[in-house]
Amino acid sequence: MLGSQFRKILPDLSYPTSKDFDVTNYVQMEEYVNRNGCELLIHAAAFTSPPLIEKNPTRAIDVNIVGTSNIVKICMKFDARLIYICTDYVFKGDKGDYKEDDPVLPVNKYAWSKLGGECAVRMYDKSLVVRTTFGPEAFPYEKAFVDQWTSRESVCVIARKVAELIDRDITGVIHVGGPRKSVLEYARALDAAREIGELSVKDVGFAVPADTSLNCDKYNRIVKS
């Protein structure tokens, strides 16, 4: 989803498919970079479904943890900058307005797998971890959480925000998102003409953090500078 948006606004980048650049296949990725070169790698590939990961954590380990570690090793070998797309779900969700240096504590296996990838990325000095949250331009469900708070924006908004960071020499961790809102408010803002029902985090069969809204002051300072 994010890569498709990048292709629209950054058409000059390379967009290899998983057939040519499988994050679980280090040798294949190494051969690809040997042939094509790489100065910057934006790593947006992930297994992102919390309920499916609860059922199949092995795939999340392979893609989100081992795959991201492979990406880090590729960037280390070729001295390439790395931007890693992470998630607001690395936080426990008990307070919101999270800053980059706040303690992390995932509440589900999806978030643990993304944090595992982040740990590998943060071992590389030429990396930037982008913690963010986004969804399709049209809300894909009939109901939305009334009791979960977020900084989520549509994927087209987040893609443009992340694109602002590409040519800046920034490393470490940065939060990218919009104002704090409930998921229901987010959904209704996307689809004002649709009737979107209410849903509680208590109604689903997996753990959902209550408030992972992000403090994006650091991003706003950098982009405005």
N, C-alpha and C. Protein backbone atom coordinates (compact mmCIF):
# COMPACT_ATOMS: atom_id res chain seq x y z
N MET A 1 0.82 -1.20 0.00
CA MET A 1 0.00 0.00 0.00
C MET A 1 0.87 1.27 0.00
N LEU A 2 1.86 1.32 0.89
CA LEU A 2 2.71 2.50 0.95
C LEU A 2 3.61 2.60 -0.27
N GLY A 3 4.14 1.46 -0.71
CA GLY A 3 5.00 1.46 -1.89
C GLY A 3 4.28 1.96 -3.13
N SER A 4 3.01 1.62 -3.27
CA SER A 4 2.23 2.08 -4.42
C SER A 4 2.09 3.60 -4.41
N GLN A 5 1.95 4.18 -3.22
CA GLN A 5 1.88 5.63 -3.11
C GLN A 5 3.22 6.28 -3.41
N PHE A 6 4.30 5.68 -2.92
CA PHE A 6 5.63 6.20 -3.24
C PHE A 6 5.86 6.21 -4.75
N ARG A 7 5.41 5.17 -5.42
CA ARG A 7 5.60 5.09 -6.87
C ARG A 7 4.94 6.28 -7.58
N LYS A 8 3.81 6.74 -7.04
CA LYS A 8 3.11 7.88 -7.65
C LYS A 8 3.86 9.19 -7.49
N ILE A 9 4.46 9.38 -6.31
CA ILE A 9 5.09 10.66 -6.03
C ILE A 9 6.61 10.64 -6.20
N LEU A 10 7.20 9.44 -6.23
CA LEU A 10 8.64 9.29 -6.41
C LEU A 10 8.91 8.26 -7.52
N PRO A 11 8.52 8.59 -8.74
CA PRO A 11 8.59 7.60 -9.82
C PRO A 11 10.01 7.20 -10.23
N ASP A 12 11.01 7.97 -9.83
CA ASP A 12 12.38 7.67 -10.26
C ASP A 12 13.06 6.63 -9.39
N LEU A 13 12.44 6.22 -8.29
CA LEU A 13 13.02 5.17 -7.47
C LEU A 13 12.78 3.80 -8.10
N SER A 14 13.53 2.81 -7.65
CA SER A 14 13.32 1.43 -8.10
C SER A 14 12.33 0.74 -7.16
N TYR A 15 11.46 -0.09 -7.74
CA TYR A 15 10.42 -0.77 -6.96
C TYR A 15 10.43 -2.26 -7.27
N PRO A 16 11.45 -2.99 -6.80
CA PRO A 16 11.50 -4.43 -7.08
C PRO A 16 10.36 -5.16 -6.38
N THR A 17 9.83 -6.17 -7.05
CA THR A 17 8.79 -6.99 -6.44
C THR A 17 9.43 -8.03 -5.52
N SER A 18 8.60 -8.70 -4.75
CA SER A 18 9.12 -9.74 -3.86
C SER A 18 9.74 -10.90 -4.64
N LYS A 19 9.37 -11.04 -5.91
CA LYS A 19 9.99 -12.09 -6.73
C LYS A 19 11.45 -11.79 -7.01
N ASP A 20 11.79 -10.50 -7.08
CA ASP A 20 13.16 -10.08 -7.35
C ASP A 20 13.93 -9.69 -6.10
N PHE A 21 13.19 -9.35 -5.03
CA PHE A 21 13.83 -8.81 -3.83
C PHE A 21 13.05 -9.29 -2.61
N ASP A 22 13.20 -10.57 -2.31
CA ASP A 22 12.48 -11.21 -1.21
C ASP A 22 13.26 -10.98 0.08
N VAL A 23 12.64 -10.29 1.05
CA VAL A 23 13.37 -9.94 2.26
C VAL A 23 13.80 -11.17 3.07
N THR A 24 13.18 -12.31 2.81
CA THR A 24 13.59 -13.54 3.51
C THR A 24 14.73 -14.27 2.80
N ASN A 25 15.19 -13.71 1.66
CA ASN A 25 16.24 -14.35 0.86
C ASN A 25 17.42 -13.39 0.73
N TYR A 26 18.36 -13.51 1.66
CA TYR A 26 19.50 -12.57 1.68
C TYR A 26 20.32 -12.65 0.39
N VAL A 27 20.58 -13.84 -0.09
CA VAL A 27 21.43 -14.01 -1.28
C VAL A 27 20.79 -13.33 -2.48
N GLN A 28 19.50 -13.50 -2.65
CA GLN A 28 18.81 -12.86 -3.77
C GLN A 28 18.91 -11.34 -3.68
N MET A 29 18.70 -10.79 -2.49
CA MET A 29 18.80 -9.33 -2.33
C MET A 29 20.21 -8.83 -2.60
N GLU A 30 21.19 -9.57 -2.13
CA GLU A 30 22.58 -9.20 -2.37
C GLU A 30 22.88 -9.16 -3.87
N GLU A 31 22.41 -10.17 -4.60
CA GLU A 31 22.63 -10.20 -6.04
C GLU A 31 21.94 -9.03 -6.73
N TYR A 32 20.73 -8.69 -6.26
CA TYR A 32 19.99 -7.57 -6.85
C TYR A 32 20.77 -6.26 -6.67
N VAL A 33 21.26 -6.01 -5.47
CA VAL A 33 21.99 -4.76 -5.21
C VAL A 33 23.32 -4.75 -5.95
N ASN A 34 23.97 -5.90 -6.08
CA ASN A 34 25.20 -5.97 -6.87
C ASN A 34 24.95 -5.54 -8.30
N ARG A 35 23.80 -5.94 -8.84
CA ARG A 35 23.47 -5.60 -10.24
C ARG A 35 23.01 -4.15 -10.39
N ASN A 36 22.24 -3.67 -9.43
CA ASN A 36 21.55 -2.40 -9.60
C ASN A 36 22.05 -1.25 -8.73
N GLY A 37 22.84 -1.57 -7.71
CA GLY A 37 23.31 -0.54 -6.81
C GLY A 37 22.22 -0.10 -5.85
N CYS A 38 22.61 0.61 -4.79
CA CYS A 38 21.63 1.10 -3.81
C CYS A 38 22.30 2.10 -2.89
N GLU A 39 21.80 3.33 -2.88
CA GLU A 39 22.29 4.35 -1.95
C GLU A 39 21.34 4.54 -0.77
N LEU A 40 20.06 4.27 -1.00
CA LEU A 40 19.03 4.39 0.03
C LEU A 40 18.03 3.27 -0.15
N LEU A 41 17.65 2.62 0.95
CA LEU A 41 16.65 1.57 0.89
C LEU A 41 15.52 1.93 1.85
N ILE A 42 14.31 2.06 1.33
CA ILE A 42 13.12 2.29 2.16
C ILE A 42 12.45 0.95 2.36
N HIS A 43 12.48 0.47 3.58
CA HIS A 43 11.97 -0.88 3.88
C HIS A 43 10.54 -0.78 4.41
N ALA A 44 9.58 -1.03 3.52
CA ALA A 44 8.16 -0.96 3.88
C ALA A 44 7.48 -2.33 3.84
N ALA A 45 8.22 -3.37 3.48
CA ALA A 45 7.62 -4.70 3.38
C ALA A 45 7.37 -5.26 4.78
N ALA A 46 6.17 -5.83 4.99
CA ALA A 46 5.86 -6.40 6.31
C ALA A 46 4.61 -7.26 6.22
N PHE A 47 4.49 -8.17 7.18
CA PHE A 47 3.27 -8.93 7.42
C PHE A 47 2.54 -8.16 8.51
N THR A 48 1.38 -7.56 8.19
CA THR A 48 0.83 -6.51 9.05
C THR A 48 -0.52 -6.81 9.69
N SER A 49 -1.04 -8.00 9.57
CA SER A 49 -2.36 -8.29 10.11
C SER A 49 -2.28 -8.86 11.53
N PRO A 50 -2.65 -8.08 12.57
CA PRO A 50 -2.58 -8.61 13.94
C PRO A 50 -3.34 -9.91 14.14
N PRO A 51 -4.59 -10.06 13.66
CA PRO A 51 -5.28 -11.32 13.92
C PRO A 51 -4.64 -12.51 13.21
N LEU A 52 -4.13 -12.31 11.99
CA LEU A 52 -3.47 -13.41 11.28
C LEU A 52 -2.14 -13.77 11.93
N ILE A 53 -1.45 -12.77 12.46
CA ILE A 53 -0.18 -13.05 13.12
C ILE A 53 -0.39 -13.80 14.43
N GLU A 54 -1.50 -13.54 15.10
CA GLU A 54 -1.81 -14.32 16.31
C GLU A 54 -1.93 -15.80 15.95
N LYS A 55 -2.46 -16.10 14.75
CA LYS A 55 -2.63 -17.48 14.31
C LYS A 55 -1.35 -18.05 13.70
N ASN A 56 -0.52 -17.19 13.11
CA ASN A 56 0.66 -17.66 12.41
C ASN A 56 1.86 -16.77 12.72
N PRO A 57 2.36 -16.81 13.95
CA PRO A 57 3.49 -15.95 14.30
C PRO A 57 4.77 -16.29 13.57
N THR A 58 4.89 -17.52 13.08
CA THR A 58 6.12 -17.92 12.38
C THR A 58 6.36 -17.04 11.16
N ARG A 59 5.32 -16.76 10.40
CA ARG A 59 5.49 -15.93 9.21
C ARG A 59 5.92 -14.51 9.61
N ALA A 60 5.38 -14.00 10.70
CA ALA A 60 5.78 -12.66 11.16
C ALA A 60 7.24 -12.65 11.58
N ILE A 61 7.70 -13.73 12.20
CA ILE A 61 9.12 -13.83 12.56
C ILE A 61 9.97 -13.80 11.29
N ASP A 62 9.59 -14.61 10.30
CA ASP A 62 10.37 -14.69 9.07
C ASP A 62 10.43 -13.36 8.33
N VAL A 63 9.28 -12.68 8.22
CA VAL A 63 9.21 -11.46 7.41
C VAL A 63 9.64 -10.23 8.21
N ASN A 64 9.02 -10.05 9.37
CA ASN A 64 9.20 -8.79 10.09
C ASN A 64 10.48 -8.72 10.91
N ILE A 65 10.95 -9.87 11.38
CA ILE A 65 12.17 -9.87 12.21
C ILE A 65 13.37 -10.32 11.39
N VAL A 66 13.33 -11.55 10.87
CA VAL A 66 14.46 -12.06 10.09
C VAL A 66 14.61 -11.26 8.79
N GLY A 67 13.50 -10.98 8.13
CA GLY A 67 13.56 -10.22 6.88
C GLY A 67 14.15 -8.84 7.08
N THR A 68 13.74 -8.17 8.14
CA THR A 68 14.29 -6.84 8.41
C THR A 68 15.76 -6.93 8.78
N SER A 69 16.15 -7.95 9.52
CA SER A 69 17.57 -8.15 9.82
C SER A 69 18.38 -8.35 8.55
N ASN A 70 17.82 -9.08 7.58
CA ASN A 70 18.50 -9.24 6.29
C ASN A 70 18.68 -7.89 5.59
N ILE A 71 17.63 -7.06 5.65
CA ILE A 71 17.71 -5.73 5.04
C ILE A 71 18.83 -4.91 5.68
N VAL A 72 18.91 -4.97 7.00
CA VAL A 72 19.96 -4.22 7.71
C VAL A 72 21.34 -4.70 7.26
N LYS A 73 21.53 -6.00 7.14
CA LYS A 73 22.83 -6.53 6.73
C LYS A 73 23.18 -6.12 5.30
N ILE A 74 22.17 -6.08 4.44
CA ILE A 74 22.40 -5.61 3.06
C ILE A 74 22.87 -4.16 3.08
N CYS A 75 22.18 -3.32 3.84
CA CYS A 75 22.56 -1.90 3.90
C CYS A 75 23.95 -1.73 4.50
N MET A 76 24.27 -2.53 5.51
CA MET A 76 25.61 -2.47 6.09
C MET A 76 26.67 -2.82 5.06
N LYS A 77 26.41 -3.88 4.30
CA LYS A 77 27.40 -4.33 3.33
C LYS A 77 27.64 -3.31 2.24
N PHE A 78 26.57 -2.66 1.77
CA PHE A 78 26.69 -1.72 0.65
C PHE A 78 26.71 -0.26 1.09
N ASP A 79 26.82 -0.04 2.39
CA ASP A 79 26.90 1.32 2.94
C ASP A 79 25.73 2.18 2.48
N ALA A 80 24.54 1.62 2.48
CA ALA A 80 23.34 2.33 2.02
C ALA A 80 22.58 2.88 3.22
N ARG A 81 21.98 4.05 3.05
CA ARG A 81 21.07 4.56 4.07
C ARG A 81 19.82 3.68 4.12
N LEU A 82 19.23 3.61 5.31
CA LEU A 82 18.04 2.76 5.50
C LEU A 82 16.95 3.56 6.20
N ILE A 83 15.75 3.54 5.61
CA ILE A 83 14.55 4.07 6.27
C ILE A 83 13.62 2.89 6.50
N TYR A 84 13.30 2.64 7.76
CA TYR A 84 12.47 1.50 8.15
C TYR A 84 11.10 2.00 8.57
N ILE A 85 10.05 1.50 7.94
CA ILE A 85 8.69 1.87 8.29
C ILE A 85 8.21 0.98 9.43
N CYS A 86 8.09 1.58 10.62
CA CYS A 86 7.66 0.84 11.79
C CYS A 86 6.23 1.25 12.15
N THR A 87 5.80 1.00 13.36
CA THR A 87 4.40 1.16 13.72
C THR A 87 4.24 1.84 15.09
N ASP A 88 3.11 2.51 15.26
CA ASP A 88 2.77 3.07 16.57
C ASP A 88 2.42 1.98 17.57
N TYR A 89 2.17 0.77 17.11
CA TYR A 89 1.79 -0.32 18.00
C TYR A 89 2.93 -0.82 18.88
N VAL A 90 4.15 -0.28 18.70
CA VAL A 90 5.24 -0.68 19.61
C VAL A 90 4.99 -0.18 21.03
N PHE A 91 4.03 0.76 21.18
CA PHE A 91 3.74 1.31 22.50
C PHE A 91 2.60 0.55 23.17
N LYS A 92 2.59 0.58 24.50
CA LYS A 92 1.58 -0.13 25.28
C LYS A 92 0.18 0.44 25.04
N GLY A 93 0.10 1.76 24.81
CA GLY A 93 -1.19 2.37 24.52
C GLY A 93 -1.95 2.81 25.75
N ASP A 94 -1.24 3.06 26.84
CA ASP A 94 -1.93 3.45 28.07
C ASP A 94 -1.94 4.95 28.33
N LYS A 95 -1.29 5.75 27.44
CA LYS A 95 -1.27 7.18 27.70
C LYS A 95 -1.38 8.04 26.43
N GLY A 96 -0.86 7.58 25.31
CA GLY A 96 -0.89 8.37 24.09
C GLY A 96 0.11 9.50 24.08
N ASP A 97 0.13 10.27 22.98
CA ASP A 97 1.07 11.38 22.80
C ASP A 97 2.51 10.91 23.01
N TYR A 98 2.83 9.75 22.45
CA TYR A 98 4.14 9.15 22.67
C TYR A 98 5.24 9.88 21.91
N LYS A 99 6.34 10.15 22.63
CA LYS A 99 7.52 10.73 22.01
C LYS A 99 8.49 9.62 21.61
N GLU A 100 9.48 10.00 20.81
CA GLU A 100 10.40 9.01 20.26
C GLU A 100 11.17 8.25 21.33
N ASP A 101 11.44 8.89 22.47
CA ASP A 101 12.24 8.23 23.51
C ASP A 101 11.40 7.64 24.63
N ASP A 102 10.08 7.58 24.45
CA ASP A 102 9.23 6.93 25.45
C ASP A 102 9.45 5.41 25.43
N PRO A 103 9.27 4.74 26.57
CA PRO A 103 9.44 3.29 26.62
C PRO A 103 8.45 2.57 25.70
N VAL A 104 8.90 1.50 25.10
CA VAL A 104 8.04 0.69 24.23
C VAL A 104 7.64 -0.58 24.96
N LEU A 105 6.42 -1.04 24.68
CA LEU A 105 5.94 -2.30 25.27
C LEU A 105 4.74 -2.78 24.45
N PRO A 106 4.98 -3.59 23.41
CA PRO A 106 3.87 -4.06 22.57
C PRO A 106 2.87 -4.90 23.35
N VAL A 107 1.62 -4.89 22.87
CA VAL A 107 0.58 -5.68 23.51
C VAL A 107 0.11 -6.85 22.64
N ASN A 108 0.63 -6.96 21.40
CA ASN A 108 0.27 -8.12 20.58
C ASN A 108 1.47 -8.59 19.76
N LYS A 109 1.34 -9.74 19.12
CA LYS A 109 2.47 -10.36 18.44
C LYS A 109 2.90 -9.59 17.19
N TYR A 110 1.94 -8.96 16.51
CA TYR A 110 2.31 -8.12 15.36
C TYR A 110 3.29 -7.03 15.81
N ALA A 111 2.94 -6.34 16.89
CA ALA A 111 3.78 -5.25 17.37
C ALA A 111 5.14 -5.75 17.84
N TRP A 112 5.15 -6.92 18.50
CA TRP A 112 6.43 -7.48 18.91
C TRP A 112 7.31 -7.78 17.70
N SER A 113 6.71 -8.27 16.63
CA SER A 113 7.51 -8.59 15.43
C SER A 113 8.07 -7.33 14.79
N LYS A 114 7.29 -6.25 14.78
CA LYS A 114 7.79 -4.99 14.22
C LYS A 114 8.87 -4.38 15.12
N LEU A 115 8.71 -4.53 16.42
CA LEU A 115 9.74 -4.05 17.33
C LEU A 115 11.02 -4.86 17.17
N GLY A 116 10.86 -6.17 16.93
CA GLY A 116 12.04 -6.99 16.66
C GLY A 116 12.81 -6.48 15.46
N GLY A 117 12.08 -6.10 14.40
CA GLY A 117 12.74 -5.51 13.24
C GLY A 117 13.40 -4.19 13.59
N GLU A 118 12.72 -3.38 14.39
CA GLU A 118 13.29 -2.08 14.79
C GLU A 118 14.59 -2.26 15.55
N CYS A 119 14.66 -3.28 16.39
CA CYS A 119 15.89 -3.53 17.15
C CYS A 119 17.08 -3.76 16.22
N ALA A 120 16.85 -4.51 15.15
CA ALA A 120 17.93 -4.75 14.19
C ALA A 120 18.31 -3.45 13.48
N VAL A 121 17.32 -2.67 13.08
CA VAL A 121 17.57 -1.42 12.37
C VAL A 121 18.39 -0.46 13.23
N ARG A 122 18.08 -0.41 14.52
CA ARG A 122 18.76 0.55 15.39
C ARG A 122 20.19 0.17 15.70
N MET A 123 20.62 -1.00 15.26
CA MET A 123 22.03 -1.38 15.36
C MET A 123 22.86 -0.82 14.21
N TYR A 124 22.19 -0.18 13.24
CA TYR A 124 22.88 0.37 12.07
C TYR A 124 22.87 1.89 12.16
N ASP A 125 24.04 2.50 12.13
CA ASP A 125 24.15 3.94 12.36
C ASP A 125 23.53 4.79 11.25
N LYS A 126 23.43 4.26 10.04
CA LYS A 126 22.89 5.04 8.92
C LYS A 126 21.41 4.72 8.69
N SER A 127 20.66 4.58 9.77
CA SER A 127 19.26 4.19 9.64
C SER A 127 18.34 5.22 10.29
N LEU A 128 17.10 5.23 9.80
CA LEU A 128 16.04 6.04 10.39
C LEU A 128 14.80 5.17 10.57
N VAL A 129 14.33 5.07 11.80
CA VAL A 129 13.10 4.34 12.10
C VAL A 129 11.95 5.32 12.05
N VAL A 130 10.99 5.07 11.17
CA VAL A 130 9.80 5.92 11.06
C VAL A 130 8.63 5.17 11.69
N ARG A 131 8.23 5.60 12.88
CA ARG A 131 7.04 5.02 13.50
C ARG A 131 5.82 5.80 13.01
N THR A 132 4.88 5.09 12.44
CA THR A 132 3.74 5.75 11.82
C THR A 132 2.54 4.82 11.80
N THR A 133 1.44 5.29 11.26
CA THR A 133 0.24 4.47 11.09
C THR A 133 -0.59 5.06 9.97
N PHE A 134 -1.10 4.18 9.10
CA PHE A 134 -1.85 4.66 7.93
C PHE A 134 -2.80 3.57 7.47
N GLY A 135 -3.73 3.97 6.61
CA GLY A 135 -4.69 3.04 6.04
C GLY A 135 -5.03 3.46 4.63
N PRO A 136 -5.89 2.70 3.95
CA PRO A 136 -6.29 3.04 2.58
C PRO A 136 -7.00 4.39 2.54
N GLU A 137 -7.12 4.94 1.33
CA GLU A 137 -7.78 6.23 1.18
C GLU A 137 -9.28 6.14 1.48
N ALA A 138 -9.85 4.96 1.34
CA ALA A 138 -11.24 4.71 1.76
C ALA A 138 -11.20 3.70 2.91
N PHE A 139 -11.95 3.97 3.98
CA PHE A 139 -11.93 3.07 5.13
C PHE A 139 -12.51 1.71 4.71
N PRO A 140 -11.78 0.62 4.96
CA PRO A 140 -12.17 -0.68 4.38
C PRO A 140 -13.17 -1.50 5.18
N TYR A 141 -13.61 -1.01 6.34
CA TYR A 141 -14.47 -1.82 7.20
C TYR A 141 -15.82 -1.14 7.44
N GLU A 142 -16.78 -1.93 7.90
CA GLU A 142 -18.11 -1.40 8.18
C GLU A 142 -18.17 -0.71 9.54
N LYS A 143 -17.27 -1.07 10.45
CA LYS A 143 -17.25 -0.50 11.78
C LYS A 143 -15.83 -0.05 12.11
N ALA A 144 -15.73 0.87 13.10
CA ALA A 144 -14.42 1.36 13.53
C ALA A 144 -14.42 1.53 15.04
N PHE A 145 -13.23 1.43 15.63
CA PHE A 145 -13.10 1.52 17.09
C PHE A 145 -13.46 2.91 17.58
N VAL A 146 -14.37 2.94 18.54
CA VAL A 146 -14.74 4.20 19.17
C VAL A 146 -13.85 4.48 20.38
N ASP A 147 -13.15 3.45 20.88
CA ASP A 147 -12.36 3.58 22.08
C ASP A 147 -10.88 3.28 21.85
N GLN A 148 -10.41 3.49 20.62
CA GLN A 148 -8.99 3.42 20.33
C GLN A 148 -8.57 4.75 19.71
N TRP A 149 -7.47 5.31 20.21
CA TRP A 149 -7.01 6.63 19.77
C TRP A 149 -5.72 6.49 18.98
N THR A 150 -5.57 7.33 17.97
CA THR A 150 -4.51 7.12 16.99
C THR A 150 -4.08 8.44 16.36
N SER A 151 -2.95 8.40 15.67
CA SER A 151 -2.51 9.51 14.83
C SER A 151 -2.58 9.12 13.35
N ARG A 152 -3.39 8.12 13.06
CA ARG A 152 -3.48 7.55 11.71
C ARG A 152 -3.94 8.58 10.68
N GLU A 153 -3.37 8.46 9.48
CA GLU A 153 -3.79 9.25 8.33
C GLU A 153 -3.89 8.31 7.14
N SER A 154 -4.50 8.77 6.06
CA SER A 154 -4.58 7.94 4.85
C SER A 154 -3.17 7.74 4.30
N VAL A 155 -2.99 6.68 3.55
CA VAL A 155 -1.66 6.32 3.06
C VAL A 155 -1.08 7.41 2.16
N CYS A 156 -1.92 8.13 1.42
CA CYS A 156 -1.38 9.18 0.55
C CYS A 156 -0.78 10.32 1.36
N VAL A 157 -1.38 10.63 2.52
CA VAL A 157 -0.84 11.67 3.39
C VAL A 157 0.49 11.23 4.00
N ILE A 158 0.54 10.01 4.52
CA ILE A 158 1.75 9.52 5.16
C ILE A 158 2.89 9.36 4.15
N ALA A 159 2.58 8.91 2.94
CA ALA A 159 3.63 8.77 1.93
C ALA A 159 4.30 10.11 1.65
N ARG A 160 3.52 11.16 1.55
CA ARG A 160 4.10 12.48 1.30
C ARG A 160 4.89 12.98 2.50
N LYS A 161 4.43 12.66 3.70
CA LYS A 161 5.18 13.06 4.89
C LYS A 161 6.52 12.34 4.95
N VAL A 162 6.52 11.03 4.68
CA VAL A 162 7.78 10.27 4.70
C VAL A 162 8.71 10.74 3.59
N ALA A 163 8.15 11.07 2.44
CA ALA A 163 8.97 11.53 1.32
C ALA A 163 9.76 12.79 1.68
N GLU A 164 9.22 13.59 2.58
CA GLU A 164 9.92 14.80 3.02
C GLU A 164 11.24 14.48 3.74
N LEU A 165 11.38 13.24 4.22
CA LEU A 165 12.56 12.87 4.99
C LEU A 165 13.67 12.27 4.14
N ILE A 166 13.36 11.91 2.92
CA ILE A 166 14.29 11.11 2.13
C ILE A 166 15.61 11.84 1.87
N ASP A 167 15.55 13.11 1.55
CA ASP A 167 16.76 13.85 1.22
C ASP A 167 17.37 14.57 2.41
N ARG A 168 16.90 14.27 3.60
CA ARG A 168 17.45 14.88 4.81
C ARG A 168 18.34 13.88 5.54
N ASP A 169 19.44 14.37 6.04
CA ASP A 169 20.42 13.50 6.72
C ASP A 169 19.99 13.30 8.17
N ILE A 170 19.00 12.42 8.38
CA ILE A 170 18.44 12.18 9.70
C ILE A 170 18.62 10.70 10.04
N THR A 171 19.01 10.45 11.26
CA THR A 171 19.11 9.07 11.74
C THR A 171 18.38 8.97 13.08
N GLY A 172 18.21 7.74 13.54
CA GLY A 172 17.55 7.53 14.83
C GLY A 172 16.10 7.12 14.66
N VAL A 173 15.19 7.78 15.38
CA VAL A 173 13.77 7.47 15.37
C VAL A 173 12.98 8.75 15.18
N ILE A 174 11.90 8.67 14.41
CA ILE A 174 11.03 9.82 14.22
C ILE A 174 9.58 9.35 14.11
N HIS A 175 8.67 10.13 14.65
CA HIS A 175 7.24 9.82 14.58
C HIS A 175 6.58 10.64 13.48
N VAL A 176 5.77 9.98 12.68
CA VAL A 176 5.10 10.62 11.55
C VAL A 176 3.61 10.28 11.62
N GLY A 177 2.78 11.31 11.73
CA GLY A 177 1.34 11.07 11.81
C GLY A 177 0.58 12.38 11.85
N GLY A 178 -0.70 12.30 12.17
CA GLY A 178 -1.55 13.47 12.25
C GLY A 178 -2.02 13.73 13.67
N PRO A 179 -3.02 14.57 13.85
CA PRO A 179 -3.54 14.86 15.19
C PRO A 179 -4.20 13.63 15.82
N ARG A 180 -4.25 13.61 17.16
CA ARG A 180 -4.89 12.52 17.89
C ARG A 180 -6.39 12.51 17.61
N LYS A 181 -6.92 11.30 17.36
CA LYS A 181 -8.34 11.14 17.08
C LYS A 181 -8.72 9.69 17.34
N SER A 182 -10.00 9.42 17.50
CA SER A 182 -10.42 8.02 17.59
C SER A 182 -10.39 7.41 16.19
N VAL A 183 -10.31 6.09 16.16
CA VAL A 183 -10.33 5.43 14.85
C VAL A 183 -11.65 5.70 14.15
N LEU A 184 -12.73 5.79 14.91
CA LEU A 184 -14.03 6.10 14.31
C LEU A 184 -14.02 7.50 13.68
N GLU A 185 -13.43 8.47 14.36
CA GLU A 185 -13.33 9.82 13.80
C GLU A 185 -12.48 9.81 12.53
N TYR A 186 -11.40 9.06 12.56
CA TYR A 186 -10.55 8.92 11.38
C TYR A 186 -11.33 8.32 10.21
N ALA A 187 -12.07 7.25 10.49
CA ALA A 187 -12.83 6.56 9.44
C ALA A 187 -13.91 7.45 8.85
N ARG A 188 -14.63 8.15 9.70
CA ARG A 188 -15.71 9.01 9.21
C ARG A 188 -15.19 10.22 8.45
N ALA A 189 -14.00 10.68 8.79
CA ALA A 189 -13.39 11.78 8.04
C ALA A 189 -13.01 11.34 6.63
N LEU A 190 -12.62 10.08 6.48
CA LEU A 190 -12.28 9.55 5.16
C LEU A 190 -13.53 9.35 4.30
N ASP A 191 -14.60 8.89 4.92
CA ASP A 191 -15.82 8.52 4.19
C ASP A 191 -17.03 9.21 4.82
N ALA A 192 -17.13 10.51 4.63
CA ALA A 192 -18.20 11.29 5.25
C ALA A 192 -19.58 10.85 4.78
N ALA A 193 -19.65 10.32 3.56
CA ALA A 193 -20.96 9.95 3.01
C ALA A 193 -21.41 8.56 3.47
N ARG A 194 -20.50 7.78 4.04
CA ARG A 194 -20.82 6.42 4.48
C ARG A 194 -21.26 6.40 5.93
N GLU A 195 -22.09 5.44 6.26
CA GLU A 195 -22.47 5.21 7.65
C GLU A 195 -21.53 4.13 8.21
N ILE A 196 -20.60 4.55 9.05
CA ILE A 196 -19.64 3.63 9.65
C ILE A 196 -20.02 3.41 11.10
N GLY A 197 -20.22 2.15 11.46
CA GLY A 197 -20.69 1.81 12.79
C GLY A 197 -19.61 1.84 13.85
N GLU A 198 -20.05 1.72 15.10
CA GLU A 198 -19.13 1.75 16.23
C GLU A 198 -18.70 0.33 16.62
N LEU A 199 -17.42 0.24 17.04
CA LEU A 199 -16.85 -1.03 17.48
C LEU A 199 -15.96 -0.74 18.68
N SER A 200 -15.91 -1.67 19.63
CA SER A 200 -15.05 -1.52 20.79
C SER A 200 -13.85 -2.46 20.68
N VAL A 201 -12.74 -2.05 21.26
CA VAL A 201 -11.56 -2.92 21.28
C VAL A 201 -11.85 -4.20 22.05
N LYS A 202 -12.87 -4.18 22.89
CA LYS A 202 -13.25 -5.37 23.66
C LYS A 202 -13.98 -6.39 22.80
N ASP A 203 -14.38 -5.99 21.59
CA ASP A 203 -15.18 -6.85 20.73
C ASP A 203 -14.34 -7.74 19.81
N VAL A 204 -13.01 -7.57 19.81
CA VAL A 204 -12.17 -8.34 18.90
C VAL A 204 -11.37 -9.37 19.68
N GLY A 205 -10.90 -10.39 18.97
CA GLY A 205 -10.25 -11.51 19.63
C GLY A 205 -8.76 -11.40 19.76
N PHE A 206 -8.21 -10.20 19.72
CA PHE A 206 -6.78 -10.01 19.91
C PHE A 206 -6.57 -8.69 20.66
N ALA A 207 -5.41 -8.55 21.29
CA ALA A 207 -5.13 -7.37 22.09
C ALA A 207 -4.92 -6.15 21.20
N VAL A 208 -5.56 -5.05 21.57
CA VAL A 208 -5.45 -3.80 20.82
C VAL A 208 -5.05 -2.70 21.80
N PRO A 209 -3.96 -1.97 21.55
CA PRO A 209 -3.59 -0.87 22.44
C PRO A 209 -4.62 0.26 22.35
N ALA A 210 -4.94 0.87 23.49
CA ALA A 210 -6.04 1.83 23.54
C ALA A 210 -5.69 3.19 22.95
N ASP A 211 -4.46 3.67 23.18
CA ASP A 211 -4.09 5.01 22.70
C ASP A 211 -2.63 5.02 22.30
N THR A 212 -2.38 4.92 21.01
CA THR A 212 -1.01 4.95 20.51
C THR A 212 -0.75 6.23 19.72
N SER A 213 -1.49 7.29 20.03
CA SER A 213 -1.27 8.55 19.34
C SER A 213 0.18 9.00 19.52
N LEU A 214 0.73 9.60 18.48
CA LEU A 214 2.14 9.94 18.43
C LEU A 214 2.36 11.44 18.57
N ASN A 215 3.39 11.79 19.31
CA ASN A 215 3.84 13.17 19.36
C ASN A 215 4.78 13.38 18.16
N CYS A 216 4.39 14.24 17.25
CA CYS A 216 5.14 14.44 16.00
C CYS A 216 5.86 15.78 15.97
N ASP A 217 6.14 16.34 17.15
CA ASP A 217 6.83 17.64 17.21
C ASP A 217 8.19 17.59 16.54
N LYS A 218 8.93 16.51 16.74
CA LYS A 218 10.26 16.38 16.13
C LYS A 218 10.16 16.45 14.61
N TYR A 219 9.21 15.71 14.04
CA TYR A 219 9.03 15.74 12.59
C TYR A 219 8.69 17.16 12.12
N ASN A 220 7.77 17.81 12.80
CA ASN A 220 7.34 19.14 12.38
C ASN A 220 8.49 20.14 12.44
N ARG A 221 9.35 20.02 13.45
CA ARG A 221 10.52 20.91 13.54
C ARG A 221 11.46 20.68 12.38
N ILE A 222 11.71 19.42 12.06
CA ILE A 222 12.66 19.09 11.00
C ILE A 222 12.16 19.53 9.64
N VAL A 223 10.90 19.26 9.35
CA VAL A 223 10.35 19.59 8.03
C VAL A 223 10.25 21.09 7.83
N LYS A 224 9.97 21.83 8.90
CA LYS A 224 9.83 23.28 8.78
C LYS A 224 11.17 24.00 8.77
N SER A 225 12.24 23.30 9.16
CA SER A 225 13.55 23.94 9.24
C SER A 225 14.20 24.12 7.86
